[in-house]
Amino acid sequence: MDERILFLKIGKKIKEIRESQNMTQEELAADTNIENIGRLETGNTNPTIRTLYKISKALKVRLKDLVDVD
């Protein structure tokens, strides 16, 4: 899988989980101290493991749930 496609899929997964919990990007940013949630969700940045871990904790999901994409 191309890296760009991977980033897009991970971003989409983050957005889906966040929206399913009725959480805004601003709320997720505040909970994680990460400013570029929008860039992550659109696949315009390469998230680090640390970033994904913070997001998984804020969304109360397992890290693997964020990166389990086909």
N, C-alpha and C. Protein backbone atom coordinates (compact mmCIF):
# COMPACT_ATOMS: atom_id res chain seq x y z
N MET A 1 0.85 -1.18 0.00
CA MET A 1 0.00 0.00 0.00
C MET A 1 0.90 1.25 0.00
N ASP A 2 0.56 2.19 -0.83
CA ASP A 2 1.28 3.45 -0.90
C ASP A 2 1.14 4.21 0.42
N GLU A 3 2.22 4.90 0.84
CA GLU A 3 2.20 5.64 2.11
C GLU A 3 1.07 6.65 2.16
N ARG A 4 0.85 7.36 1.09
CA ARG A 4 -0.21 8.39 1.05
C ARG A 4 -1.58 7.76 1.31
N ILE A 5 -1.82 6.62 0.71
CA ILE A 5 -3.09 5.91 0.92
C ILE A 5 -3.21 5.48 2.37
N LEU A 6 -2.11 5.00 2.94
CA LEU A 6 -2.11 4.58 4.34
C LEU A 6 -2.46 5.75 5.25
N PHE A 7 -1.82 6.91 5.03
CA PHE A 7 -2.10 8.10 5.85
C PHE A 7 -3.57 8.51 5.72
N LEU A 8 -4.11 8.44 4.51
CA LEU A 8 -5.52 8.78 4.28
C LEU A 8 -6.45 7.84 5.05
N LYS A 9 -6.15 6.55 5.01
CA LYS A 9 -7.00 5.56 5.68
C LYS A 9 -6.94 5.70 7.20
N ILE A 10 -5.75 5.94 7.73
CA ILE A 10 -5.63 6.14 9.17
C ILE A 10 -6.37 7.40 9.58
N GLY A 11 -6.22 8.47 8.82
CA GLY A 11 -6.94 9.71 9.11
C GLY A 11 -8.43 9.53 9.08
N LYS A 12 -8.91 8.79 8.10
CA LYS A 12 -10.36 8.53 7.99
C LYS A 12 -10.85 7.74 9.20
N LYS A 13 -10.04 6.79 9.64
CA LYS A 13 -10.41 5.97 10.80
C LYS A 13 -10.50 6.83 12.06
N ILE A 14 -9.52 7.72 12.24
CA ILE A 14 -9.53 8.62 13.39
C ILE A 14 -10.79 9.48 13.36
N LYS A 15 -11.10 10.03 12.20
CA LYS A 15 -12.28 10.89 12.06
C LYS A 15 -13.56 10.12 12.36
N GLU A 16 -13.69 8.91 11.83
CA GLU A 16 -14.88 8.09 12.06
C GLU A 16 -15.08 7.81 13.55
N ILE A 17 -14.01 7.43 14.23
CA ILE A 17 -14.11 7.12 15.66
C ILE A 17 -14.45 8.39 16.44
N ARG A 18 -13.76 9.48 16.12
CA ARG A 18 -14.01 10.76 16.81
C ARG A 18 -15.47 11.19 16.64
N GLU A 19 -15.96 11.15 15.41
CA GLU A 19 -17.34 11.57 15.15
C GLU A 19 -18.36 10.63 15.80
N SER A 20 -18.04 9.34 15.87
CA SER A 20 -18.96 8.38 16.51
C SER A 20 -19.11 8.67 18.00
N GLN A 21 -18.13 9.38 18.56
CA GLN A 21 -18.16 9.75 19.97
C GLN A 21 -18.63 11.20 20.17
N ASN A 22 -19.13 11.80 19.08
CA ASN A 22 -19.61 13.19 19.12
C ASN A 22 -18.55 14.14 19.67
N MET A 23 -17.32 13.93 19.25
CA MET A 23 -16.20 14.76 19.69
C MET A 23 -15.77 15.64 18.52
N THR A 24 -15.49 16.88 18.81
CA THR A 24 -14.99 17.79 17.77
C THR A 24 -13.48 17.66 17.63
N GLN A 25 -12.96 18.18 16.53
CA GLN A 25 -11.52 18.20 16.35
C GLN A 25 -10.86 19.03 17.46
N GLU A 26 -11.51 20.11 17.84
CA GLU A 26 -10.98 20.97 18.89
C GLU A 26 -10.89 20.24 20.21
N GLU A 27 -11.91 19.45 20.52
CA GLU A 27 -11.90 18.68 21.77
C GLU A 27 -10.79 17.63 21.75
N LEU A 28 -10.64 16.95 20.61
CA LEU A 28 -9.58 15.96 20.51
C LEU A 28 -8.20 16.62 20.61
N ALA A 29 -8.07 17.77 19.98
CA ALA A 29 -6.80 18.50 20.05
C ALA A 29 -6.49 18.89 21.49
N ALA A 30 -7.50 19.34 22.22
CA ALA A 30 -7.29 19.74 23.62
C ALA A 30 -6.92 18.52 24.48
N ASP A 31 -7.58 17.39 24.24
CA ASP A 31 -7.32 16.18 25.02
C ASP A 31 -5.94 15.58 24.76
N THR A 32 -5.41 15.83 23.56
CA THR A 32 -4.13 15.21 23.18
C THR A 32 -2.97 16.19 23.13
N ASN A 33 -3.27 17.47 23.19
CA ASN A 33 -2.26 18.52 23.02
C ASN A 33 -1.60 18.42 21.63
N ILE A 34 -2.42 18.06 20.64
CA ILE A 34 -1.98 17.96 19.25
C ILE A 34 -2.79 18.97 18.45
N GLU A 35 -2.09 19.86 17.76
CA GLU A 35 -2.76 20.95 17.06
C GLU A 35 -3.23 20.59 15.65
N ASN A 36 -2.63 19.60 15.03
CA ASN A 36 -2.93 19.34 13.63
C ASN A 36 -3.88 18.17 13.39
N ILE A 37 -4.94 18.10 14.16
CA ILE A 37 -5.91 17.00 14.01
C ILE A 37 -6.50 17.00 12.59
N GLY A 38 -6.83 18.17 12.08
CA GLY A 38 -7.38 18.27 10.73
C GLY A 38 -6.44 17.72 9.68
N ARG A 39 -5.16 18.03 9.81
CA ARG A 39 -4.16 17.51 8.87
C ARG A 39 -4.02 16.00 8.99
N LEU A 40 -4.13 15.49 10.20
CA LEU A 40 -4.07 14.04 10.39
C LEU A 40 -5.27 13.36 9.74
N GLU A 41 -6.45 13.92 9.97
CA GLU A 41 -7.66 13.30 9.46
C GLU A 41 -7.76 13.34 7.94
N THR A 42 -7.10 14.28 7.31
CA THR A 42 -7.11 14.37 5.85
C THR A 42 -5.92 13.65 5.22
N GLY A 43 -5.07 13.05 6.04
CA GLY A 43 -3.94 12.30 5.53
C GLY A 43 -2.80 13.17 5.05
N ASN A 44 -2.76 14.41 5.49
CA ASN A 44 -1.73 15.34 5.03
C ASN A 44 -0.49 15.39 5.91
N THR A 45 -0.37 14.44 6.81
CA THR A 45 0.82 14.36 7.65
C THR A 45 1.06 12.91 8.04
N ASN A 46 2.29 12.61 8.35
CA ASN A 46 2.68 11.27 8.76
C ASN A 46 2.66 11.22 10.28
N PRO A 47 1.64 10.58 10.88
CA PRO A 47 1.56 10.56 12.34
C PRO A 47 2.62 9.65 12.95
N THR A 48 3.20 10.10 14.03
CA THR A 48 4.15 9.27 14.76
C THR A 48 3.39 8.28 15.63
N ILE A 49 4.09 7.29 16.11
CA ILE A 49 3.48 6.34 17.03
C ILE A 49 3.02 7.07 18.29
N ARG A 50 3.81 8.00 18.77
CA ARG A 50 3.45 8.78 19.96
C ARG A 50 2.13 9.53 19.73
N THR A 51 1.98 10.15 18.56
CA THR A 51 0.76 10.87 18.24
C THR A 51 -0.44 9.92 18.19
N LEU A 52 -0.27 8.80 17.52
CA LEU A 52 -1.36 7.83 17.43
C LEU A 52 -1.72 7.28 18.81
N TYR A 53 -0.72 7.08 19.65
CA TYR A 53 -0.97 6.59 21.01
C TYR A 53 -1.80 7.60 21.80
N LYS A 54 -1.44 8.88 21.72
CA LYS A 54 -2.19 9.93 22.42
C LYS A 54 -3.64 9.97 21.93
N ILE A 55 -3.82 9.85 20.63
CA ILE A 55 -5.17 9.87 20.06
C ILE A 55 -5.96 8.65 20.52
N SER A 56 -5.32 7.50 20.53
CA SER A 56 -6.03 6.29 20.96
C SER A 56 -6.48 6.40 22.41
N LYS A 57 -5.65 6.99 23.25
CA LYS A 57 -6.02 7.16 24.66
C LYS A 57 -7.19 8.15 24.79
N ALA A 58 -7.13 9.24 24.04
CA ALA A 58 -8.20 10.25 24.11
C ALA A 58 -9.52 9.70 23.59
N LEU A 59 -9.44 8.83 22.57
CA LEU A 59 -10.66 8.24 22.01
C LEU A 59 -11.09 6.96 22.72
N LYS A 60 -10.26 6.53 23.66
CA LYS A 60 -10.53 5.31 24.44
C LYS A 60 -10.68 4.07 23.56
N VAL A 61 -9.73 3.95 22.61
CA VAL A 61 -9.66 2.78 21.76
C VAL A 61 -8.23 2.25 21.80
N ARG A 62 -8.04 1.04 21.33
CA ARG A 62 -6.70 0.48 21.27
C ARG A 62 -5.94 1.10 20.10
N LEU A 63 -4.65 1.25 20.25
CA LEU A 63 -3.81 1.80 19.19
C LEU A 63 -4.01 1.03 17.89
N LYS A 64 -4.11 -0.28 17.99
CA LYS A 64 -4.26 -1.08 16.78
C LYS A 64 -5.58 -0.80 16.07
N ASP A 65 -6.58 -0.31 16.79
CA ASP A 65 -7.85 0.04 16.14
C ASP A 65 -7.68 1.23 15.19
N LEU A 66 -6.73 2.10 15.46
CA LEU A 66 -6.49 3.25 14.59
C LEU A 66 -5.74 2.88 13.33
N VAL A 67 -4.90 1.87 13.41
CA VAL A 67 -4.06 1.53 12.26
C VAL A 67 -4.50 0.25 11.54
N ASP A 68 -5.57 -0.35 11.98
CA ASP A 68 -6.08 -1.57 11.33
C ASP A 68 -6.90 -1.17 10.10
N VAL A 69 -6.18 -0.92 9.02
CA VAL A 69 -6.82 -0.51 7.76
C VAL A 69 -6.41 -1.46 6.66
N ASP A 70 -7.28 -1.62 5.69
CA ASP A 70 -6.98 -2.52 4.55
C ASP A 70 -6.57 -1.72 3.35
